[in-house]
């Protein structure tokens, strides 16, 4: 073998290794980007769920201030139905629009998610 052939063979081997490293770096970058999107979606959902819980407590507290008079007042079934109703309303309200608590919490925590060194 002549020196040029050896140099070409080495060059091709190094080039193939670099291509393999680049492709693995691209794959890991895609995985990290996908992980970032998944983390972002989880954070949005958690903030929305938290706002839903707060709204549920608010609705339940508001309901307690209304005097309950009537034929169905004080029944266990009515209380259970109202509890489920307010839970669903608060979840839908937080998911659709909310009152801004979930959005504010998301913006604050998003900064910490982007920069984990920040305290």
Protein backbone atom coordinates (compact mmCIF):
# COMPACT_ATOMS: atom_id res chain seq x y z
CA UNK A 1 0.00 0.00 0.00
CA UNK A 2 1.16 3.37 -0.78
CA UNK A 3 1.15 6.29 1.68
CA UNK A 4 -1.68 8.09 -0.10
CA UNK A 5 -3.97 5.09 0.21
CA UNK A 6 -3.21 4.82 3.93
CA UNK A 7 -3.90 8.52 4.42
CA UNK A 8 -7.17 8.26 2.45
CA UNK A 9 -8.23 5.23 4.50
CA UNK A 10 -7.51 7.06 7.75
CA UNK A 11 -9.32 10.14 6.50
CA UNK A 12 -12.39 8.07 5.58
CA UNK A 13 -12.35 6.29 8.96
CA UNK A 14 -12.11 9.60 10.82
CA UNK A 15 -14.79 11.10 8.64
CA UNK A 16 -17.12 8.16 9.35
CA UNK A 17 -16.48 8.49 13.09
CA UNK A 18 -17.27 12.21 12.97
CA UNK A 19 -20.46 11.50 11.02
CA UNK A 20 -21.48 8.93 13.60
CA UNK A 21 -20.74 11.35 16.44
CA UNK A 22 -22.66 14.12 14.71
CA UNK A 23 -25.66 11.89 14.12
CA UNK A 24 -25.63 10.72 17.75
CA UNK A 25 -25.35 14.37 18.89
CA UNK A 26 -28.32 15.28 16.72
CA UNK A 27 -30.32 12.37 18.12
CA UNK A 28 -29.48 13.34 21.70
CA UNK A 29 -30.34 16.97 20.93
CA UNK A 30 -33.70 15.84 19.53
CA UNK A 31 -34.27 13.75 22.64
CA UNK A 32 -33.39 16.72 24.85
CA UNK A 33 -35.67 18.99 22.82
CA UNK A 34 -38.45 16.42 23.05
CA UNK A 35 -37.79 16.12 26.79
CA UNK A 36 -38.00 19.90 27.11
CA UNK A 37 -41.34 19.91 25.31
CA UNK A 38 -42.64 17.12 27.51
CA UNK A 39 -41.46 18.92 30.65
CA UNK A 40 -43.09 22.11 29.43
CA UNK A 41 -46.39 20.34 28.77
CA UNK A 42 -46.27 18.69 32.20
CA UNK A 43 -45.60 22.03 33.85
CA UNK A 44 -48.53 23.65 32.04
CA UNK A 45 -50.83 20.83 33.11
CA UNK A 46 -49.64 20.93 36.71
CA UNK A 47 -50.18 24.70 36.90
CA UNK A 48 -53.64 24.35 35.36
CA UNK A 49 -54.51 21.54 37.79
CA UNK A 50 -53.29 23.62 40.72
CA UNK A 51 -55.47 26.52 39.62
CA UNK A 52 -58.39 24.09 39.35
CA UNK A 53 -57.87 22.97 42.94
CA UNK A 54 -57.77 26.57 44.15
CA UNK A 55 -60.92 27.42 42.20
CA UNK A 56 -62.65 24.36 43.63
CA UNK A 57 -61.87 25.53 47.18
CA UNK A 58 -63.09 29.00 46.28
CA UNK A 59 -66.37 27.69 44.82
CA UNK A 60 -66.94 25.41 47.81
CA UNK A 61 -66.32 28.30 50.22
CA UNK A 62 -68.66 30.54 48.25
CA UNK A 63 -71.34 27.84 48.29
CA UNK A 64 -71.16 27.58 52.10
CA UNK A 65 -72.13 31.24 52.40
CA UNK A 66 -75.46 30.69 50.60
CA UNK A 67 -78.25 29.68 52.99
CA UNK A 68 -79.61 26.24 52.08
CA UNK A 69 -83.35 26.21 52.48
CA UNK A 70 -85.69 23.99 50.61
CA UNK A 71 -86.86 20.46 50.16
CA UNK A 72 -83.43 19.03 49.36
CA UNK A 73 -81.36 21.05 51.82
CA UNK A 74 -78.96 19.05 53.93
CA UNK A 75 -79.25 15.81 51.98
CA UNK A 76 -76.13 13.76 51.43
CA UNK A 77 -76.94 13.22 47.74
CA UNK A 78 -77.31 16.94 47.07
CA UNK A 79 -74.02 17.68 48.83
CA UNK A 80 -72.25 14.97 46.81
CA UNK A 81 -73.73 16.22 43.53
CA UNK A 82 -72.77 19.82 44.28
CA UNK A 83 -69.25 18.74 45.21
CA UNK A 84 -68.81 16.88 41.93
CA UNK A 85 -70.41 19.77 40.02
CA UNK A 86 -68.06 22.39 41.50
CA UNK A 87 -65.07 20.14 40.98
CA UNK A 88 -65.88 19.73 37.28
CA UNK A 89 -66.70 23.42 36.82
CA UNK A 90 -63.43 24.49 38.45
CA UNK A 91 -61.41 22.01 36.34
CA UNK A 92 -63.02 23.20 33.10
CA UNK A 93 -62.69 26.84 34.09
CA UNK A 94 -58.98 26.46 34.88
CA UNK A 95 -58.35 24.51 31.68
CA UNK A 96 -60.22 26.94 29.42
CA UNK A 97 -59.41 30.36 30.79
CA UNK A 98 -58.88 30.46 34.52
CA UNK A 99 -58.31 33.55 36.59
CA UNK A 100 -54.61 33.90 35.82
CA UNK A 101 -53.09 32.08 38.78
CA UNK A 102 -52.05 29.09 36.66
CA UNK A 103 -50.51 31.33 33.99
CA UNK A 104 -48.57 33.36 36.56
CA UNK A 105 -47.35 30.21 38.27
CA UNK A 106 -46.35 28.74 34.90
CA UNK A 107 -44.34 31.82 33.95
CA UNK A 108 -42.55 31.81 37.29
CA UNK A 109 -41.76 28.10 37.25
CA UNK A 110 -40.87 28.10 33.53
CA UNK A 111 -37.93 30.36 34.32
CA UNK A 112 -36.73 27.86 36.90
CA UNK A 113 -37.22 24.98 34.45
CA UNK A 114 -35.17 26.79 31.79
CA UNK A 115 -32.42 27.78 34.22
CA UNK A 116 -32.11 25.12 36.94
CA UNK A 117 -29.16 26.95 38.54
CA UNK A 118 -31.38 29.91 39.37
CA UNK A 119 -32.66 29.88 42.94
